[in-house]
N, C-alpha and C. Protein backbone atom coordinates (compact mmCIF):
# COMPACT_ATOMS: atom_id res chain seq x y z
N MET A 1 -5.03 4.68 -3.93
CA MET A 1 -5.74 3.74 -3.14
C MET A 1 -6.37 2.71 -4.10
N ASP A 2 -6.53 1.56 -3.54
CA ASP A 2 -7.23 0.50 -4.49
C ASP A 2 -8.62 0.74 -4.45
N ARG A 3 -9.37 0.24 -5.44
CA ARG A 3 -10.77 0.42 -5.48
C ARG A 3 -11.46 -0.89 -5.05
N PRO A 4 -12.59 -0.86 -4.46
CA PRO A 4 -13.36 -1.99 -4.08
C PRO A 4 -13.80 -2.72 -5.24
N ASP A 5 -14.19 -4.05 -5.16
CA ASP A 5 -14.64 -4.90 -6.26
C ASP A 5 -16.03 -4.61 -6.75
N GLN A 6 -16.86 -3.98 -5.78
CA GLN A 6 -18.22 -3.71 -6.12
C GLN A 6 -18.48 -2.14 -5.92
N PRO A 7 -19.51 -1.65 -6.38
CA PRO A 7 -19.83 -0.30 -6.25
C PRO A 7 -20.11 0.09 -4.74
N MET A 8 -19.79 1.14 -4.19
CA MET A 8 -19.96 1.50 -2.83
C MET A 8 -21.47 1.99 -2.67
N ASP A 9 -22.08 1.49 -1.62
CA ASP A 9 -23.44 1.90 -1.23
C ASP A 9 -23.44 3.19 -0.41
N PRO A 10 -23.88 4.30 -0.94
CA PRO A 10 -23.88 5.55 -0.12
C PRO A 10 -24.50 5.52 1.17
N SER A 11 -25.72 4.78 1.24
CA SER A 11 -26.30 4.70 2.55
C SER A 11 -25.57 3.88 3.61
N ARG A 12 -24.91 2.84 3.11
CA ARG A 12 -24.07 2.13 4.00
C ARG A 12 -22.85 2.77 4.49
N ALA A 13 -22.20 3.68 3.54
CA ALA A 13 -21.18 4.59 3.91
C ALA A 13 -21.58 5.55 4.92
N ALA A 14 -22.73 6.12 4.82
CA ALA A 14 -23.28 7.14 5.71
C ALA A 14 -23.45 6.45 7.18
N ALA A 15 -24.03 5.33 7.11
CA ALA A 15 -24.16 4.57 8.45
C ALA A 15 -22.90 4.26 9.11
N ILE A 16 -21.86 3.83 8.32
CA ILE A 16 -20.54 3.63 9.00
C ILE A 16 -19.99 4.87 9.46
N GLU A 17 -20.14 5.97 8.65
CA GLU A 17 -19.56 7.33 9.09
C GLU A 17 -20.19 7.87 10.37
N ALA A 18 -21.51 7.47 10.59
CA ALA A 18 -22.23 7.90 11.80
C ALA A 18 -21.80 7.07 13.08
N MET A 19 -21.13 5.96 12.93
CA MET A 19 -20.76 5.14 14.02
C MET A 19 -19.64 5.91 14.81
N PRO A 20 -19.55 5.59 16.23
CA PRO A 20 -18.54 6.12 17.00
C PRO A 20 -17.16 5.56 16.43
N ASP A 21 -16.07 6.52 16.62
CA ASP A 21 -14.75 6.17 16.13
C ASP A 21 -14.10 5.05 17.04
N THR A 22 -14.47 3.90 16.67
CA THR A 22 -14.08 2.71 17.47
C THR A 22 -13.47 1.70 16.56
N PRO A 23 -12.87 0.67 17.08
CA PRO A 23 -12.29 -0.43 16.25
C PRO A 23 -13.50 -1.10 15.41
N ALA A 24 -14.72 -1.18 15.93
CA ALA A 24 -15.85 -1.76 15.29
C ALA A 24 -16.11 -0.93 14.06
N ARG A 25 -15.96 0.38 14.10
CA ARG A 25 -16.20 1.24 12.92
C ARG A 25 -15.32 0.94 11.83
N GLY A 26 -13.98 0.80 12.15
CA GLY A 26 -12.96 0.38 11.17
C GLY A 26 -13.22 -0.91 10.56
N GLU A 27 -13.62 -1.88 11.44
CA GLU A 27 -13.89 -3.21 10.90
C GLU A 27 -15.09 -3.25 9.92
N ALA A 28 -16.15 -2.37 10.36
CA ALA A 28 -17.30 -2.28 9.40
C ALA A 28 -16.93 -1.64 8.09
N ALA A 29 -16.06 -0.65 8.13
CA ALA A 29 -15.62 -0.01 6.94
C ALA A 29 -14.81 -1.08 5.99
N ARG A 30 -13.87 -1.81 6.67
CA ARG A 30 -13.18 -2.76 5.93
C ARG A 30 -14.01 -3.75 5.35
N ALA A 31 -15.03 -4.36 6.07
CA ALA A 31 -15.86 -5.32 5.60
C ALA A 31 -16.73 -4.82 4.40
N ALA A 32 -17.05 -3.57 4.46
CA ALA A 32 -17.85 -2.91 3.38
C ALA A 32 -16.92 -2.66 2.12
N GLY A 33 -15.65 -2.80 2.20
CA GLY A 33 -14.75 -2.49 1.12
C GLY A 33 -14.32 -1.06 1.08
N PHE A 34 -14.54 -0.19 2.23
CA PHE A 34 -14.24 1.13 2.18
C PHE A 34 -12.74 1.42 2.69
N GLY A 35 -12.11 0.40 3.28
CA GLY A 35 -10.79 0.51 3.83
C GLY A 35 -9.73 0.14 2.88
N ALA A 36 -9.66 0.63 1.62
CA ALA A 36 -8.75 0.19 0.68
C ALA A 36 -7.38 0.43 1.04
N SER A 37 -6.51 -0.42 0.65
CA SER A 37 -5.09 -0.29 0.89
C SER A 37 -4.42 0.48 -0.18
N PRO A 38 -3.45 1.29 0.20
CA PRO A 38 -2.57 2.03 -0.79
C PRO A 38 -1.85 0.96 -1.66
N ARG A 39 -1.84 1.01 -2.91
CA ARG A 39 -1.31 0.02 -3.81
C ARG A 39 0.04 0.50 -4.40
N ALA A 40 0.36 1.82 -4.47
CA ALA A 40 1.55 2.38 -4.97
C ALA A 40 2.03 3.51 -4.22
N PHE A 41 3.35 3.61 -4.17
CA PHE A 41 4.06 4.86 -3.52
C PHE A 41 5.08 5.28 -4.43
N LEU A 42 5.18 6.55 -4.66
CA LEU A 42 6.18 7.23 -5.56
C LEU A 42 6.76 8.38 -4.67
N GLY A 43 8.04 8.29 -4.34
CA GLY A 43 8.58 9.40 -3.61
C GLY A 43 9.95 9.04 -3.04
N ARG A 44 10.32 9.73 -1.91
CA ARG A 44 11.64 9.52 -1.35
C ARG A 44 11.61 8.95 0.04
N ASP A 45 12.70 8.26 0.35
CA ASP A 45 12.67 7.54 1.75
C ASP A 45 13.53 8.51 2.60
N PHE A 46 13.76 8.04 3.85
CA PHE A 46 14.48 8.73 4.73
C PHE A 46 16.06 8.91 4.46
N HIS A 47 16.47 8.07 3.49
CA HIS A 47 17.82 8.08 3.15
C HIS A 47 18.02 8.86 1.72
N ASN A 48 17.04 9.58 1.41
CA ASN A 48 16.90 10.40 0.13
C ASN A 48 17.05 9.59 -1.14
N SER A 49 16.64 8.30 -1.00
CA SER A 49 16.57 7.45 -2.22
C SER A 49 15.17 7.67 -2.84
N SER A 50 15.13 7.80 -4.15
CA SER A 50 13.82 7.84 -4.90
C SER A 50 13.35 6.43 -4.99
N GLN A 51 12.06 6.19 -4.90
CA GLN A 51 11.60 4.76 -4.99
C GLN A 51 10.12 4.75 -5.41
N LEU A 52 9.77 3.71 -6.24
CA LEU A 52 8.42 3.39 -6.54
C LEU A 52 8.18 2.06 -5.87
N VAL A 53 7.16 1.96 -4.96
CA VAL A 53 6.84 0.78 -4.28
C VAL A 53 5.38 0.23 -4.63
N LEU A 54 5.35 -0.94 -5.13
CA LEU A 54 4.02 -1.55 -5.58
C LEU A 54 3.65 -2.63 -4.44
N ARG A 55 2.33 -2.51 -3.95
CA ARG A 55 1.81 -3.37 -2.92
C ARG A 55 0.79 -4.36 -3.44
N ASP A 56 0.60 -5.46 -2.69
CA ASP A 56 -0.43 -6.41 -3.07
C ASP A 56 -1.76 -5.98 -2.60
N ALA A 57 -2.85 -6.75 -2.77
CA ALA A 57 -4.15 -6.40 -2.39
C ALA A 57 -4.29 -6.28 -0.85
N GLN A 58 -3.42 -6.85 -0.05
CA GLN A 58 -3.37 -6.75 1.45
C GLN A 58 -2.59 -5.51 1.86
N GLY A 59 -2.01 -4.77 0.99
CA GLY A 59 -1.16 -3.55 1.35
C GLY A 59 0.28 -3.85 1.66
N ARG A 60 0.71 -5.12 1.38
CA ARG A 60 2.08 -5.51 1.71
C ARG A 60 2.92 -5.10 0.51
N PRO A 61 4.21 -4.45 0.68
CA PRO A 61 4.99 -4.05 -0.37
C PRO A 61 5.59 -5.35 -0.98
N ARG A 62 5.51 -5.35 -2.26
CA ARG A 62 5.97 -6.55 -2.95
C ARG A 62 7.10 -6.39 -4.00
N LEU A 63 7.05 -5.01 -4.57
CA LEU A 63 8.15 -4.79 -5.58
C LEU A 63 8.65 -3.22 -5.24
N ARG A 64 9.95 -3.08 -5.27
CA ARG A 64 10.39 -1.72 -4.96
C ARG A 64 11.49 -1.44 -6.14
N LEU A 65 11.25 -0.37 -6.87
CA LEU A 65 12.31 0.16 -7.77
C LEU A 65 12.90 1.38 -6.96
N ARG A 66 14.25 1.42 -6.83
CA ARG A 66 14.91 2.35 -6.00
C ARG A 66 16.15 2.88 -6.69
N VAL A 67 16.32 4.22 -6.52
CA VAL A 67 17.50 4.89 -7.02
C VAL A 67 18.09 5.55 -5.76
N GLN A 68 19.30 5.26 -5.26
CA GLN A 68 19.90 5.82 -4.07
C GLN A 68 20.35 7.30 -4.47
N ALA A 69 20.57 8.07 -3.47
CA ALA A 69 20.96 9.44 -3.70
C ALA A 69 22.38 9.53 -4.48
N ASP A 70 23.23 8.46 -4.39
CA ASP A 70 24.37 8.37 -5.15
C ASP A 70 24.25 7.94 -6.49
N GLY A 71 23.02 7.61 -7.02
CA GLY A 71 22.68 7.13 -8.37
C GLY A 71 22.69 5.68 -8.57
N VAL A 72 22.93 4.86 -7.57
CA VAL A 72 22.83 3.43 -7.71
C VAL A 72 21.38 2.92 -7.73
N ALA A 73 21.02 2.28 -8.76
CA ALA A 73 19.64 1.85 -8.98
C ALA A 73 19.55 0.31 -8.64
N ALA A 74 18.33 -0.12 -8.13
CA ALA A 74 18.04 -1.49 -7.88
C ALA A 74 16.48 -1.77 -8.06
N ILE A 75 16.30 -2.95 -8.44
CA ILE A 75 14.90 -3.55 -8.32
C ILE A 75 14.81 -4.62 -7.23
N GLU A 76 13.97 -4.44 -6.24
CA GLU A 76 13.91 -5.40 -5.12
C GLU A 76 12.59 -5.99 -5.19
N PHE A 77 12.58 -7.37 -5.08
CA PHE A 77 11.40 -8.26 -4.93
C PHE A 77 11.23 -8.49 -3.43
N LEU A 78 10.10 -8.36 -2.83
CA LEU A 78 9.90 -8.43 -1.44
C LEU A 78 8.93 -9.59 -1.12
N GLY A 79 9.18 -10.30 -0.05
CA GLY A 79 8.44 -11.43 0.33
C GLY A 79 7.19 -11.03 1.21
N ASP A 80 6.44 -12.03 1.71
CA ASP A 80 5.25 -11.66 2.47
C ASP A 80 5.50 -10.77 3.76
N ASN A 81 6.70 -11.02 4.32
CA ASN A 81 7.08 -10.18 5.54
C ASN A 81 7.81 -8.91 5.21
N GLY A 82 7.84 -8.47 3.97
CA GLY A 82 8.58 -7.28 3.58
C GLY A 82 10.05 -7.40 3.37
N ALA A 83 10.60 -8.51 3.61
CA ALA A 83 12.05 -8.76 3.47
C ALA A 83 12.42 -8.89 2.00
N VAL A 84 13.60 -8.37 1.54
CA VAL A 84 13.97 -8.48 0.21
C VAL A 84 14.47 -9.85 0.01
N THR A 85 13.77 -10.52 -1.13
CA THR A 85 14.04 -11.84 -1.47
C THR A 85 14.97 -11.97 -2.74
N ARG A 86 14.95 -10.92 -3.57
CA ARG A 86 15.86 -10.81 -4.64
C ARG A 86 16.10 -9.41 -5.10
N THR A 87 17.28 -9.09 -5.52
CA THR A 87 17.64 -7.86 -5.88
C THR A 87 18.31 -7.93 -7.36
N VAL A 88 17.80 -6.97 -8.23
CA VAL A 88 18.45 -6.88 -9.49
C VAL A 88 19.05 -5.50 -9.66
N SER A 89 20.42 -5.41 -9.91
CA SER A 89 21.05 -4.16 -9.98
C SER A 89 22.00 -4.19 -11.21
N ALA A 90 22.52 -3.05 -11.56
CA ALA A 90 23.54 -3.03 -12.61
C ALA A 90 24.82 -3.61 -12.27
N ASN A 91 25.18 -3.87 -10.98
CA ASN A 91 26.45 -4.53 -10.59
C ASN A 91 26.38 -5.97 -10.64
């Protein structure tokens, strides 16, 4: 997870935690910087490819290093919408 730009206020965190589980609570947590986006993933996908995915501050995937189950490796650059804009491979 990414870290907020400023220190977290424990009393503010407690107040948000005490709120009912509604969209307003989620919005309050994001506004306070408590809703950090995952910035990196390392693991396998549904096709058994190993991958490292790096995301921007908004949580959008931007760079993917991938090795398919058959050993073919590639580096993929992703656009704002998640579509591959450029691929670098050994081929």
